[in-house]
Amino acid sequence: MLARLGSTAFWLFIIASSFLLFPLAVVIWALTVLVDRQLRLLHQFTCFWASLYTWFNPVWRVRIEGREKIRPQVAYVMVANHQSLLDILVLFRLFVHFKWVSKIENFRVIVIGWNMWLNRYIPLRRGDKASIDQMMQACEKTLKDGNSIMMFPEGTRSHDGRLKQFKHGAFTLAQSVGAPLLPIVIEGTAHALPKRGFVLRGHHAIRVRVLDEIPYASFAHKPVEAFMDEVRNLIANHLGELPARAA
């Protein structure tokens, strides 16, 4: 009962605060869109907005490691494992500039989705080839304009917290644009809020680890499947899981 009450309060706080903060996002967008073409200030405000929900939640202890490895002004293809809806909130805690690639359904969420459009995050209709092609083209342009891209290469949240197989989009993108790839490991969110349901599950330590960037020269001529498997195995190793080929 207490878990349900606390979870209800948490989601109501997100809804209420989003209606209060979105007008500020519109003001920031209107004042900066002509001079801040990458919308960096708006994204920083969005990082602050999302971080409120982990800063003020007493049951989560979020630790960020390796933020200093992210070089300013470098456009990365960022990839992270996807355990929970909370992954989105904790990745905003990095407070670095990037554009999300996210399923189109998230852009339809009242207020939050509107802010995603304002930030020029990139929508994707899963399973739709035309949408995937449009997403890849938008990502290429976004990277060439100097913005990093954030993607979940699993495509969707894991049912049990274990790493799913990767899709090749992020890795094809890094090769085609010549961008370095930045792997990120998330731990603890699957236990805090599993994929099924919206009830928060007690006190949990959550950790976000930024690994060393992988320079373009090291994978420029590798088959994309081999490169993808290497990155998946790297993240699996940091999660304490068996590599894909040994599973």
C-alpha atoms as a PDB file:
ATOM      1  CA  MET A   1       0.000   0.000   0.000  1.00  0.00           C
ATOM      2  CA  LEU A   2       2.771   2.461   0.916  1.00  0.00           C
ATOM      3  CA  ALA A   3       4.571   1.684  -2.340  1.00  0.00           C
ATOM      4  CA  ARG A   4       1.431   2.436  -4.335  1.00  0.00           C
ATOM      5  CA  LEU A   5       0.788   5.677  -2.475  1.00  0.00           C
ATOM      6  CA  GLY A   6       4.373   6.798  -2.927  1.00  0.00           C
ATOM      7  CA  SER A   7       4.318   5.892  -6.604  1.00  0.00           C
ATOM      8  CA  THR A   8       1.064   7.777  -7.129  1.00  0.00           C
ATOM      9  CA  ALA A   9       2.555  10.852  -5.454  1.00  0.00           C
ATOM     10  CA  PHE A  10       5.662  10.563  -7.652  1.00  0.00           C
ATOM     11  CA  TRP A  11       3.723  10.405 -10.935  1.00  0.00           C
ATOM     12  CA  LEU A  12       1.387  13.216  -9.858  1.00  0.00           C
ATOM     13  CA  PHE A  13       4.456  15.323  -9.057  1.00  0.00           C
ATOM     14  CA  ILE A  14       5.802  14.680 -12.570  1.00  0.00           C
ATOM     15  CA  ILE A  15       2.475  15.669 -14.141  1.00  0.00           C
ATOM     16  CA  ALA A  16       1.986  18.819 -12.065  1.00  0.00           C
ATOM     17  CA  SER A  17       5.574  20.030 -12.374  1.00  0.00           C
ATOM     18  CA  SER A  18       5.594  19.397 -16.118  1.00  0.00           C
ATOM     19  CA  PHE A  19       2.641  21.729 -16.606  1.00  0.00           C
ATOM     20  CA  LEU A  20       4.479  24.354 -14.566  1.00  0.00           C
ATOM     21  CA  LEU A  21       7.864  23.960 -16.256  1.00  0.00           C
ATOM     22  CA  PHE A  22       6.800  23.641 -19.889  1.00  0.00           C
ATOM     23  CA  PRO A  23       5.900  27.369 -20.205  1.00  0.00           C
ATOM     24  CA  LEU A  24       9.445  28.170 -19.040  1.00  0.00           C
ATOM     25  CA  ALA A  25      10.783  25.873 -21.746  1.00  0.00           C
ATOM     26  CA  VAL A  26       8.721  27.769 -24.331  1.00  0.00           C
ATOM     27  CA  VAL A  27      10.125  31.077 -23.093  1.00  0.00           C
ATOM     28  CA  ILE A  28      13.702  29.764 -23.253  1.00  0.00           C
ATOM     29  CA  TRP A  29      13.076  28.430 -26.763  1.00  0.00           C
ATOM     30  CA  ALA A  30      11.570  31.720 -27.957  1.00  0.00           C
ATOM     31  CA  LEU A  31      14.426  33.805 -26.536  1.00  0.00           C
ATOM     32  CA  THR A  32      17.267  31.607 -27.772  1.00  0.00           C
ATOM     33  CA  VAL A  33      16.167  29.791 -30.945  1.00  0.00           C
ATOM     34  CA  LEU A  34      17.692  32.401 -33.281  1.00  0.00           C
ATOM     35  CA  VAL A  35      21.058  32.605 -31.514  1.00  0.00           C
ATOM     36  CA  ASP A  36      21.389  29.082 -30.099  1.00  0.00           C
ATOM     37  CA  ARG A  37      20.841  26.978 -33.208  1.00  0.00           C
ATOM     38  CA  GLN A  38      21.672  23.723 -31.391  1.00  0.00           C
ATOM     39  CA  LEU A  39      19.232  24.588 -28.580  1.00  0.00           C
ATOM     40  CA  ARG A  40      21.874  23.844 -25.967  1.00  0.00           C
ATOM     41  CA  LEU A  41      20.330  26.064 -23.298  1.00  0.00           C
ATOM     42  CA  LEU A  42      16.910  24.498 -23.781  1.00  0.00           C
ATOM     43  CA  HIS A  43      18.432  21.028 -23.462  1.00  0.00           C
ATOM     44  CA  GLN A  44      20.213  22.068 -20.253  1.00  0.00           C
ATOM     45  CA  PHE A  45      16.894  23.265 -18.876  1.00  0.00           C
ATOM     46  CA  THR A  46      15.378  19.916 -19.863  1.00  0.00           C
ATOM     47  CA  CYS A  47      18.222  18.164 -18.015  1.00  0.00           C
ATOM     48  CA  PHE A  48      17.351  20.219 -14.933  1.00  0.00           C
ATOM     49  CA  TRP A  49      13.637  19.454 -15.355  1.00  0.00           C
ATOM     50  CA  ALA A  50      14.206  15.690 -15.627  1.00  0.00           C
ATOM     51  CA  SER A  51      16.787  15.651 -12.824  1.00  0.00           C
ATOM     52  CA  LEU A  52      14.290  17.073 -10.337  1.00  0.00           C
ATOM     53  CA  TYR A  53      12.603  13.674 -10.204  1.00  0.00           C
ATOM     54  CA  THR A  54      15.717  11.846  -9.068  1.00  0.00           C
ATOM     55  CA  TRP A  55      17.146  14.644  -6.907  1.00  0.00           C
ATOM     56  CA  PHE A  56      14.027  14.829  -4.761  1.00  0.00           C
ATOM     57  CA  ASN A  57      13.148  11.147  -4.643  1.00  0.00           C
ATOM     58  CA  PRO A  58      14.564   9.820  -1.346  1.00  0.00           C
ATOM     59  CA  VAL A  59      14.459   6.154  -2.430  1.00  0.00           C
ATOM     60  CA  TRP A  60      16.992   6.586  -5.255  1.00  0.00           C
ATOM     61  CA  ARG A  61      20.701   7.234  -4.824  1.00  0.00           C
ATOM     62  CA  VAL A  62      21.990   8.122  -8.281  1.00  0.00           C
ATOM     63  CA  ARG A  63      25.741   8.131  -8.891  1.00  0.00           C
ATOM     64  CA  ILE A  64      27.247   9.442 -12.122  1.00  0.00           C
ATOM     65  CA  GLU A  65      30.739   8.202 -13.024  1.00  0.00           C
ATOM     66  CA  GLY A  66      32.979   9.214 -15.897  1.00  0.00           C
ATOM     67  CA  ARG A  67      31.233  12.420 -16.933  1.00  0.00           C
ATOM     68  CA  GLU A  68      34.668  14.006 -17.314  1.00  0.00           C
ATOM     69  CA  LYS A  69      35.386  11.599 -20.199  1.00  0.00           C
ATOM     70  CA  ILE A  70      32.864  13.428 -22.398  1.00  0.00           C
ATOM     71  CA  ARG A  71      34.775  15.969 -24.436  1.00  0.00           C
ATOM     72  CA  PRO A  72      32.997  19.307 -24.892  1.00  0.00           C
ATOM     73  CA  GLN A  73      31.987  20.236 -28.434  1.00  0.00           C
ATOM     74  CA  VAL A  74      32.476  16.663 -29.721  1.00  0.00           C
ATOM     75  CA  ALA A  75      29.478  15.142 -31.516  1.00  0.00           C
ATOM     76  CA  TYR A  76      29.193  11.540 -30.298  1.00  0.00           C
ATOM     77  CA  VAL A  77      26.905   8.662 -31.045  1.00  0.00           C
ATOM     78  CA  MET A  78      26.009   7.792 -27.444  1.00  0.00           C
ATOM     79  CA  VAL A  79      24.625   4.331 -26.681  1.00  0.00           C
ATOM     80  CA  ALA A  80      23.279   3.045 -23.361  1.00  0.00           C
ATOM     81  CA  ASN A  81      21.616  -0.137 -22.163  1.00  0.00           C
ATOM     82  CA  HIS A  82      17.900   0.164 -21.445  1.00  0.00           C
ATOM     83  CA  GLN A  83      16.541  -1.366 -18.241  1.00  0.00           C
ATOM     84  CA  SER A  84      13.685   0.931 -17.268  1.00  0.00           C
ATOM     85  CA  LEU A  85      11.711   4.074 -17.967  1.00  0.00           C
ATOM     86  CA  LEU A  86      13.966   5.681 -15.354  1.00  0.00           C
ATOM     87  CA  ASP A  87      16.947   5.396 -17.718  1.00  0.00           C
ATOM     88  CA  ILE A  88      15.743   8.517 -19.484  1.00  0.00           C
ATOM     89  CA  LEU A  89      15.701  10.522 -16.262  1.00  0.00           C
ATOM     90  CA  VAL A  90      19.120   9.380 -15.065  1.00  0.00           C
ATOM     91  CA  LEU A  91      20.811   9.993 -18.432  1.00  0.00           C
ATOM     92  CA  PHE A  92      19.672  13.609 -18.257  1.00  0.00           C
ATOM     93  CA  ARG A  93      21.754  13.784 -15.067  1.00  0.00           C
ATOM     94  CA  LEU A  94      24.846  13.819 -17.303  1.00  0.00           C
ATOM     95  CA  PHE A  95      24.044  17.463 -18.148  1.00  0.00           C
ATOM     96  CA  VAL A  96      25.812  17.207 -21.508  1.00  0.00           C
ATOM     97  CA  HIS A  97      24.388  18.177 -24.872  1.00  0.00           C
ATOM     98  CA  PHE A  98      22.680  15.534 -26.999  1.00  0.00           C
ATOM     99  CA  LYS A  99      19.515  14.849 -28.979  1.00  0.00           C
ATOM    100  CA  TRP A 100      17.402  11.841 -28.076  1.00  0.00           C
ATOM    101  CA  VAL A 101      16.206   9.277 -30.565  1.00  0.00           C
ATOM    102  CA  SER A 102      12.873   8.152 -29.151  1.00  0.00           C
ATOM    103  CA  LYS A 103       9.771   6.253 -30.201  1.00  0.00           C
ATOM    104  CA  ILE A 104       7.058   8.454 -31.687  1.00  0.00           C
ATOM    105  CA  GLU A 105       4.652   7.568 -28.866  1.00  0.00           C
ATOM    106  CA  ASN A 106       6.749   9.601 -26.413  1.00  0.00           C
ATOM    107  CA  PHE A 107       6.333  12.696 -28.567  1.00  0.00           C
ATOM    108  CA  ARG A 108       2.551  12.363 -28.171  1.00  0.00           C
ATOM    109  CA  VAL A 109       2.656  12.638 -24.375  1.00  0.00           C
ATOM    110  CA  ILE A 110       1.049  15.897 -23.282  1.00  0.00           C
ATOM    111  CA  VAL A 111       3.579  18.569 -22.255  1.00  0.00           C
ATOM    112  CA  ILE A 112       6.585  16.211 -22.103  1.00  0.00           C
ATOM    113  CA  GLY A 113       6.216  15.301 -25.768  1.00  0.00           C
ATOM    114  CA  TRP A 114       5.745  18.958 -26.669  1.00  0.00           C
ATOM    115  CA  ASN A 115       9.070  19.721 -24.996  1.00  0.00           C
ATOM    116  CA  MET A 116      10.708  16.925 -26.989  1.00  0.00           C
ATOM    117  CA  TRP A 117       9.541  18.593 -30.211  1.00  0.00           C
ATOM    118  CA  LEU A 118      10.865  21.950 -28.971  1.00  0.00           C
ATOM    119  CA  ASN A 119      14.283  20.370 -28.360  1.00  0.00           C
ATOM    120  CA  ARG A 120      14.289  18.843 -31.858  1.00  0.00           C
ATOM    121  CA  TYR A 121      14.735  15.354 -30.517  1.00  0.00           C
ATOM    122  CA  ILE A 122      14.322  12.721 -33.214  1.00  0.00           C
ATOM    123  CA  PRO A 123      11.172  10.552 -33.439  1.00  0.00           C
ATOM    124  CA  LEU A 124      11.060   6.973 -34.626  1.00  0.00           C
ATOM    125  CA  ARG A 125       8.124   4.763 -35.502  1.00  0.00           C
ATOM    126  CA  ARG A 126       9.414   1.300 -34.612  1.00  0.00           C
ATOM    127  CA  GLY A 127       9.069  -1.340 -37.308  1.00  0.00           C
ATOM    128  CA  ASP A 128       8.387   1.261 -40.015  1.00  0.00           C
ATOM    129  CA  LYS A 129      11.186   1.208 -42.608  1.00  0.00           C
ATOM    130  CA  ALA A 130      10.350   4.672 -43.960  1.00  0.00           C
ATOM    131  CA  SER A 131      10.456   6.103 -40.445  1.00  0.00           C
ATOM    132  CA  ILE A 132      13.758   4.346 -39.737  1.00  0.00           C
ATOM    133  CA  ASP A 133      15.248   5.824 -42.917  1.00  0.00           C
ATOM    134  CA  GLN A 134      14.009   9.290 -41.943  1.00  0.00           C
ATOM    135  CA  MET A 135      15.430   8.863 -38.453  1.00  0.00           C
ATOM    136  CA  MET A 136      18.852   7.892 -39.812  1.00  0.00           C
ATOM    137  CA  GLN A 137      18.885  10.893 -42.157  1.00  0.00           C
ATOM    138  CA  ALA A 138      17.863  13.212 -39.310  1.00  0.00           C
ATOM    139  CA  CYS A 139      20.591  11.741 -37.078  1.00  0.00           C
ATOM    140  CA  GLU A 140      23.247  12.237 -39.746  1.00  0.00           C
ATOM    141  CA  LYS A 141      22.267  15.889 -40.174  1.00  0.00           C
ATOM    142  CA  THR A 142      22.104  16.400 -36.409  1.00  0.00           C
ATOM    143  CA  LEU A 143      25.595  14.966 -35.920  1.00  0.00           C
ATOM    144  CA  LYS A 144      27.021  17.045 -38.758  1.00  0.00           C
ATOM    145  CA  ASP A 145      25.495  20.123 -37.121  1.00  0.00           C
ATOM    146  CA  GLY A 146      27.575  19.382 -34.018  1.00  0.00           C
ATOM    147  CA  ASN A 147      25.047  17.631 -31.775  1.00  0.00           C
ATOM    148  CA  SER A 148      25.564  14.276 -30.090  1.00  0.00           C
ATOM    149  CA  ILE A 149      22.886  11.604 -30.494  1.00  0.00           C
ATOM    150  CA  MET A 150      21.623   9.415 -27.632  1.00  0.00           C
ATOM    151  CA  MET A 151      20.220   5.988 -28.542  1.00  0.00           C
ATOM    152  CA  PHE A 152      19.207   2.747 -26.842  1.00  0.00           C
ATOM    153  CA  PRO A 153      20.569   0.089 -29.231  1.00  0.00           C
ATOM    154  CA  GLU A 154      18.360  -2.589 -27.664  1.00  0.00           C
ATOM    155  CA  GLY A 155      15.422  -0.676 -29.130  1.00  0.00           C
ATOM    156  CA  THR A 156      13.204  -1.191 -26.098  1.00  0.00           C
ATOM    157  CA  ARG A 157      13.417  -1.847 -22.386  1.00  0.00           C
ATOM    158  CA  SER A 158      14.595  -5.212 -21.118  1.00  0.00           C
ATOM    159  CA  HIS A 159      11.929  -7.379 -19.470  1.00  0.00           C
ATOM    160  CA  ASP A 160      14.273  -8.702 -16.777  1.00  0.00           C
ATOM    161  CA  GLY A 161      17.072  -6.142 -16.652  1.00  0.00           C
ATOM    162  CA  ARG A 162      19.444  -8.310 -18.681  1.00  0.00           C
ATOM    163  CA  LEU A 163      20.974  -6.934 -21.846  1.00  0.00           C
ATOM    164  CA  LYS A 164      18.978  -7.638 -25.014  1.00  0.00           C
ATOM    165  CA  GLN A 165      20.432  -8.031 -28.497  1.00  0.00           C
ATOM    166  CA  PHE A 166      21.463  -4.775 -30.183  1.00  0.00           C
ATOM    167  CA  LYS A 167      20.115  -3.268 -33.381  1.00  0.00           C
ATOM    168  CA  HIS A 168      22.694  -1.917 -35.819  1.00  0.00           C
ATOM    169  CA  GLY A 169      21.341   1.632 -36.321  1.00  0.00           C
ATOM    170  CA  ALA A 170      23.650   3.486 -33.916  1.00  0.00           C
ATOM    171  CA  PHE A 171      26.719   1.657 -35.187  1.00  0.00           C
ATOM    172  CA  THR A 172      25.883   2.161 -38.853  1.00  0.00           C
ATOM    173  CA  LEU A 173      25.323   5.832 -38.055  1.00  0.00           C
ATOM    174  CA  ALA A 174      28.716   6.229 -36.346  1.00  0.00           C
ATOM    175  CA  GLN A 175      30.470   4.614 -39.306  1.00  0.00           C
ATOM    176  CA  SER A 176      28.623   6.597 -41.970  1.00  0.00           C
ATOM    177  CA  VAL A 177      29.219   9.968 -40.298  1.00  0.00           C
ATOM    178  CA  GLY A 178      32.673   9.218 -38.886  1.00  0.00           C
ATOM    179  CA  ALA A 179      31.620  10.030 -35.329  1.00  0.00           C
ATOM    180  CA  PRO A 180      33.199   8.542 -32.198  1.00  0.00           C
ATOM    181  CA  LEU A 181      30.959   6.210 -30.208  1.00  0.00           C
ATOM    182  CA  LEU A 182      30.429   6.683 -26.471  1.00  0.00           C
ATOM    183  CA  PRO A 183      29.175   3.620 -24.504  1.00  0.00           C
ATOM    184  CA  ILE A 184      27.241   4.241 -21.274  1.00  0.00           C
ATOM    185  CA  VAL A 185      26.275   1.629 -18.679  1.00  0.00           C
ATOM    186  CA  ILE A 186      23.166   1.995 -16.487  1.00  0.00           C
ATOM    187  CA  GLU A 187      22.678  -0.176 -13.403  1.00  0.00           C
ATOM    188  CA  GLY A 188      19.907  -0.379 -10.816  1.00  0.00           C
ATOM    189  CA  THR A 189      16.978   1.120 -12.665  1.00  0.00           C
ATOM    190  CA  ALA A 190      15.439  -2.258 -13.540  1.00  0.00           C
ATOM    191  CA  HIS A 191      14.977  -2.991  -9.839  1.00  0.00           C
ATOM    192  CA  ALA A 192      13.720   0.498  -9.038  1.00  0.00           C
ATOM    193  CA  LEU A 193      11.033   0.454 -11.752  1.00  0.00           C
ATOM    194  CA  PRO A 194      10.673  -2.721 -13.860  1.00  0.00           C
ATOM    195  CA  LYS A 195       9.264  -2.590 -17.374  1.00  0.00           C
ATOM    196  CA  ARG A 196       5.843  -3.896 -16.385  1.00  0.00           C
ATOM    197  CA  GLY A 197       3.913  -1.515 -14.126  1.00  0.00           C
ATOM    198  CA  PHE A 198       4.410   1.921 -12.615  1.00  0.00           C
ATOM    199  CA  VAL A 199       4.927   1.050  -8.948  1.00  0.00           C
ATOM    200  CA  LEU A 200       8.333   2.121  -7.588  1.00  0.00           C
ATOM    201  CA  ARG A 201      10.171  -0.735  -5.858  1.00  0.00           C
ATOM    202  CA  GLY A 202      11.806   0.561  -2.698  1.00  0.00           C
ATOM    203  CA  HIS A 203      15.295   1.965  -2.088  1.00  0.00           C
ATOM    204  CA  HIS A 204      17.849   1.347  -4.817  1.00  0.00           C
ATOM    205  CA  ALA A 205      21.315   2.506  -5.765  1.00  0.00           C
ATOM    206  CA  ILE A 206      21.451   3.614  -9.397  1.00  0.00           C
ATOM    207  CA  ARG A 207      24.705   4.077 -11.248  1.00  0.00           C
ATOM    208  CA  VAL A 208      25.463   5.622 -14.643  1.00  0.00           C
ATOM    209  CA  ARG A 209      28.966   4.928 -15.932  1.00  0.00           C
ATOM    210  CA  VAL A 210      30.429   6.673 -18.967  1.00  0.00           C
ATOM    211  CA  LEU A 211      33.011   4.360 -20.527  1.00  0.00           C
ATOM    212  CA  ASP A 212      35.951   5.418 -22.676  1.00  0.00           C
ATOM    213  CA  GLU A 213      34.946   6.725 -26.072  1.00  0.00           C
ATOM    214  CA  ILE A 214      35.645   4.523 -29.080  1.00  0.00           C
ATOM    215  CA  PRO A 215      37.356   6.608 -31.780  1.00  0.00           C
ATOM    216  CA  TYR A 216      36.095   6.360 -35.339  1.00  0.00           C
ATOM    217  CA  ALA A 217      39.478   5.176 -36.630  1.00  0.00           C
ATOM    218  CA  SER A 218      39.223   1.997 -34.529  1.00  0.00           C
ATOM    219  CA  PHE A 219      36.004   0.799 -36.209  1.00  0.00           C
ATOM    220  CA  ALA A 220      35.992   2.632 -39.545  1.00  0.00           C
ATOM    221  CA  HIS A 221      36.662  -0.509 -41.579  1.00  0.00           C
ATOM    222  CA  LYS A 222      35.075  -3.153 -39.357  1.00  0.00           C
ATOM    223  CA  PRO A 223      31.897  -4.960 -40.418  1.00  0.00           C
ATOM    224  CA  VAL A 224      29.087  -3.193 -38.578  1.00  0.00           C
ATOM    225  CA  GLU A 225      27.854  -6.455 -37.013  1.00  0.00           C
ATOM    226  CA  ALA A 226      31.301  -7.144 -35.544  1.00  0.00           C
ATOM    227  CA  PHE A 227      31.554  -3.603 -34.194  1.00  0.00           C
ATOM    228  CA  MET A 228      28.057  -3.854 -32.720  1.00  0.00           C
ATOM    229  CA  ASP A 229      28.876  -7.155 -30.992  1.00  0.00           C
ATOM    230  CA  GLU A 230      32.086  -5.717 -29.535  1.00  0.00           C
ATOM    231  CA  VAL A 231      30.209  -2.811 -27.959  1.00  0.00           C
ATOM    232  CA  ARG A 232      27.446  -5.062 -26.673  1.00  0.00           C
ATOM    233  CA  ASN A 233      30.011  -7.396 -25.099  1.00  0.00           C
ATOM    234  CA  LEU A 234      31.799  -4.410 -23.555  1.00  0.00           C
ATOM    235  CA  ILE A 235      28.595  -3.228 -21.873  1.00  0.00           C
ATOM    236  CA  ALA A 236      27.669  -6.802 -20.906  1.00  0.00           C
ATOM    237  CA  ASN A 237      31.054  -7.210 -19.236  1.00  0.00           C
ATOM    238  CA  HIS A 238      30.507  -4.068 -17.150  1.00  0.00           C
ATOM    239  CA  LEU A 239      27.089  -5.399 -16.156  1.00  0.00           C
ATOM    240  CA  GLY A 240      28.615  -8.723 -15.122  1.00  0.00           C
ATOM    241  CA  GLU A 241      26.846 -10.624 -17.884  1.00  0.00           C
ATOM    242  CA  LEU A 242      28.225 -13.156 -20.337  1.00  0.00           C
ATOM    243  CA  PRO A 243      29.194 -11.922 -23.813  1.00  0.00           C
ATOM    244  CA  ALA A 244      26.571 -12.517 -26.493  1.00  0.00           C
ATOM    245  CA  ARG A 245      28.452 -15.363 -28.205  1.00  0.00           C
ATOM    246  CA  ALA A 246      29.103 -17.144 -24.935  1.00  0.00           C
ATOM    247  CA  ALA A 247      25.556 -16.850 -23.577  1.00  0.00           C
END
